[in-house]
Amino acid sequence: MRHNKKFNHLSRKKGHREALLANLCIALIEHKRIFTTLAKAKALRMYAEPLVTRSKKDDTLNRRVVFSYLQNKEAVKELFGVISEKVADRPGGYLRILKTGHRLGDNAEMAMIEFVDFNENMLGEAAEKKQARTRRSRSRKAAAPAAEAPAEETPKAE
């Protein structure tokens, strides 16, 4: 029976799967965005988000725990430095997965996984969308330019 074995095993043994996820996590930390299959991206999100949560509190214990998962000093330094500063006020959900279509060779579903706070394009769009807008009917929109057109500037009397 397979009780309590709900995570995706990715068709690999335990050691191979842990090495794969560690390498993907290191690449994600270094590049802030990677392209991989959807199944690996979902497994990576489950692997990496607790590490990012640990990086928010910079102490020796958390650094040692994260290093035991990653085995890469540069990645740990980047995670506890640049990344932890950006995600300090975020309560969770540090990673975003966007589907990018299917791979040509084997038709595997591909995805891009990235840190939410490091995509300037998405951050810019979110800032623009926050502006409040009022809803108007079409008749008012059509009438508004017509009402503005006849307005003329009056010469200033000096």
Protein backbone atom coordinates (compact mmCIF):
# COMPACT_ATOMS: atom_id res chain seq x y z
CA MET A 1 0.00 0.00 0.00
CA ARG A 2 1.13 3.55 -0.63
CA HIS A 3 -0.38 5.45 2.28
CA ASN A 4 1.09 8.94 2.89
CA LYS A 5 3.08 8.96 -0.36
CA LYS A 6 1.30 11.79 -2.13
CA PHE A 7 4.27 13.71 -3.54
CA ASN A 8 5.48 13.12 -7.09
CA HIS A 9 8.36 10.64 -7.23
CA LEU A 10 9.33 11.80 -10.75
CA SER A 11 10.19 8.21 -11.80
CA ARG A 12 13.40 8.32 -9.75
CA LYS A 13 14.79 6.73 -6.62
CA LYS A 14 15.13 8.84 -3.49
CA GLY A 15 18.79 9.82 -3.93
CA HIS A 16 18.39 10.71 -7.59
CA ARG A 17 15.24 12.74 -6.88
CA GLU A 18 16.90 14.69 -4.05
CA ALA A 19 19.93 15.46 -6.22
CA LEU A 20 17.67 16.59 -9.07
CA LEU A 21 15.65 18.91 -6.83
CA ALA A 22 18.77 20.31 -5.17
CA ASN A 23 20.32 21.10 -8.57
CA LEU A 24 17.09 22.69 -9.83
CA CYS A 25 16.85 24.76 -6.66
CA ILE A 26 20.44 25.97 -7.00
CA ALA A 27 19.80 26.97 -10.63
CA LEU A 28 16.60 28.76 -9.61
CA ILE A 29 18.38 30.70 -6.86
CA GLU A 30 21.22 31.72 -9.19
CA HIS A 31 19.12 32.66 -12.24
CA LYS A 32 15.80 33.62 -10.51
CA ARG A 33 13.90 31.88 -13.36
CA ILE A 34 14.27 28.47 -15.03
CA PHE A 35 12.41 26.45 -17.65
CA THR A 36 11.60 22.81 -16.86
CA THR A 37 8.75 20.32 -17.11
CA LEU A 38 5.56 21.09 -15.22
CA ALA A 39 5.91 18.07 -12.92
CA LYS A 40 9.47 19.05 -11.95
CA ALA A 41 8.39 22.68 -11.42
CA LYS A 42 5.61 21.64 -9.04
CA ALA A 43 7.97 19.33 -7.14
CA LEU A 44 10.58 22.11 -7.01
CA ARG A 45 8.07 24.54 -5.54
CA MET A 46 7.36 22.11 -2.70
CA TYR A 47 11.13 21.70 -2.16
CA ALA A 48 12.23 25.34 -2.42
CA GLU A 49 9.53 27.33 -0.62
CA PRO A 50 10.39 25.98 2.87
CA LEU A 51 14.04 26.85 2.21
CA VAL A 52 13.08 30.42 1.30
CA THR A 53 10.99 30.62 4.46
CA ARG A 54 14.03 29.52 6.49
CA SER A 55 16.17 32.16 4.80
CA LYS A 56 13.99 34.95 6.20
CA LYS A 57 15.56 34.39 9.63
CA ASP A 58 19.33 34.58 9.17
CA ASP A 59 20.98 32.54 11.89
CA THR A 60 23.47 29.68 12.04
CA LEU A 61 20.88 26.94 12.43
CA ASN A 62 18.87 28.01 9.37
CA ARG A 63 22.02 28.41 7.27
CA ARG A 64 23.17 24.90 8.21
CA VAL A 65 19.77 23.37 7.48
CA VAL A 66 19.56 25.06 4.06
CA PHE A 67 23.16 24.08 3.28
CA SER A 68 22.33 20.45 4.12
CA TYR A 69 19.68 20.57 1.37
CA LEU A 70 21.63 22.51 -1.28
CA GLN A 71 25.34 21.74 -0.65
CA ASN A 72 26.33 24.97 -2.43
CA LYS A 73 27.83 27.93 -0.55
CA GLU A 74 27.16 30.48 -3.28
CA ALA A 75 23.48 29.52 -3.50
CA VAL A 76 23.09 29.73 0.29
CA LYS A 77 24.77 33.15 0.32
CA GLU A 78 22.47 34.40 -2.47
CA LEU A 79 19.38 32.96 -0.76
CA PHE A 80 20.15 34.51 2.63
CA GLY A 81 21.27 37.81 1.06
CA VAL A 82 19.45 39.13 -1.97
CA ILE A 83 16.42 36.85 -2.00
CA SER A 84 15.59 37.03 1.71
CA GLU A 85 15.59 40.85 1.55
CA LYS A 86 13.07 40.87 -1.30
CA VAL A 87 10.70 38.33 0.28
CA ALA A 88 10.96 39.57 3.88
CA ASP A 89 7.41 40.95 4.02
CA ARG A 90 5.77 38.17 1.95
CA PRO A 91 4.01 35.50 4.08
CA GLY A 92 4.44 32.72 1.51
CA GLY A 93 3.99 31.97 -2.18
CA TYR A 94 7.50 32.98 -3.20
CA LEU A 95 7.47 31.11 -6.53
CA ARG A 96 5.29 31.41 -9.62
CA ILE A 97 4.75 28.66 -12.20
CA LEU A 98 3.71 29.66 -15.72
CA LYS A 99 2.92 27.02 -18.33
CA THR A 100 4.80 27.56 -21.59
CA GLY A 101 3.37 24.86 -23.86
CA HIS A 102 4.65 21.47 -24.92
CA ARG A 103 8.17 20.30 -25.77
CA LEU A 104 8.63 19.31 -29.41
CA GLY A 105 10.55 16.10 -28.85
CA ASP A 106 8.28 14.22 -26.45
CA ASN A 107 5.30 16.58 -26.04
CA ALA A 108 6.04 17.03 -22.32
CA GLU A 109 4.24 19.95 -20.74
CA MET A 110 6.81 22.68 -20.04
CA ALA A 111 6.70 25.46 -17.47
CA MET A 112 8.69 28.44 -16.27
CA ILE A 113 9.22 28.74 -12.52
CA GLU A 114 10.41 32.05 -11.11
CA PHE A 115 10.58 34.11 -7.97
CA VAL A 116 7.56 36.40 -7.71
CA ASP A 117 9.47 39.45 -6.49
CA PHE A 118 12.16 39.33 -9.19
CA ASN A 119 10.03 39.76 -12.33
CA GLU A 120 10.05 43.50 -13.06
CA ASN A 121 7.57 43.15 -15.95
CA MET A 122 4.91 41.55 -13.74
CA LEU A 123 5.60 43.99 -10.90
CA GLY A 124 5.13 46.94 -13.27
CA GLU A 125 1.82 45.59 -14.54
CA ALA A 126 0.61 44.97 -10.99
CA ALA A 127 1.36 48.58 -10.03
CA GLU A 128 -0.60 49.86 -13.04
CA LYS A 129 -3.57 47.61 -12.32
CA LYS A 130 -3.94 48.92 -8.77
CA GLN A 131 -5.32 52.24 -10.01
CA ALA A 132 -9.03 52.52 -9.32
CA ARG A 133 -11.23 52.73 -12.39
CA THR A 134 -14.85 53.68 -12.63
CA ARG A 135 -17.20 51.85 -14.94
CA ARG A 136 -19.06 53.95 -17.47
CA SER A 137 -21.58 52.99 -20.07
CA ARG A 138 -20.80 53.32 -23.76
CA SER A 139 -23.13 56.28 -24.20
CA ARG A 140 -21.21 58.36 -21.66
CA LYS A 141 -17.87 57.45 -23.23
CA ALA A 142 -19.12 58.50 -26.66
CA ALA A 143 -20.61 61.72 -25.31
CA ALA A 144 -17.52 62.71 -23.31
CA PRO A 145 -15.20 63.36 -26.30
CA ALA A 146 -17.97 65.21 -28.12
CA ALA A 147 -18.52 67.50 -25.13
CA GLU A 148 -14.80 68.24 -24.84
CA ALA A 149 -14.34 69.07 -28.54
CA PRO A 150 -16.29 72.38 -28.70
CA ALA A 151 -14.51 73.83 -25.67
CA GLU A 152 -12.30 76.67 -26.89
CA GLU A 153 -9.62 78.57 -25.12
CA THR A 154 -10.48 82.15 -24.33
CA PRO A 155 -7.74 84.72 -24.80
CA LYS A 156 -6.37 86.14 -21.56
CA ALA A 157 -7.12 89.77 -20.90
CA GLU A 158 -4.06 91.68 -19.81
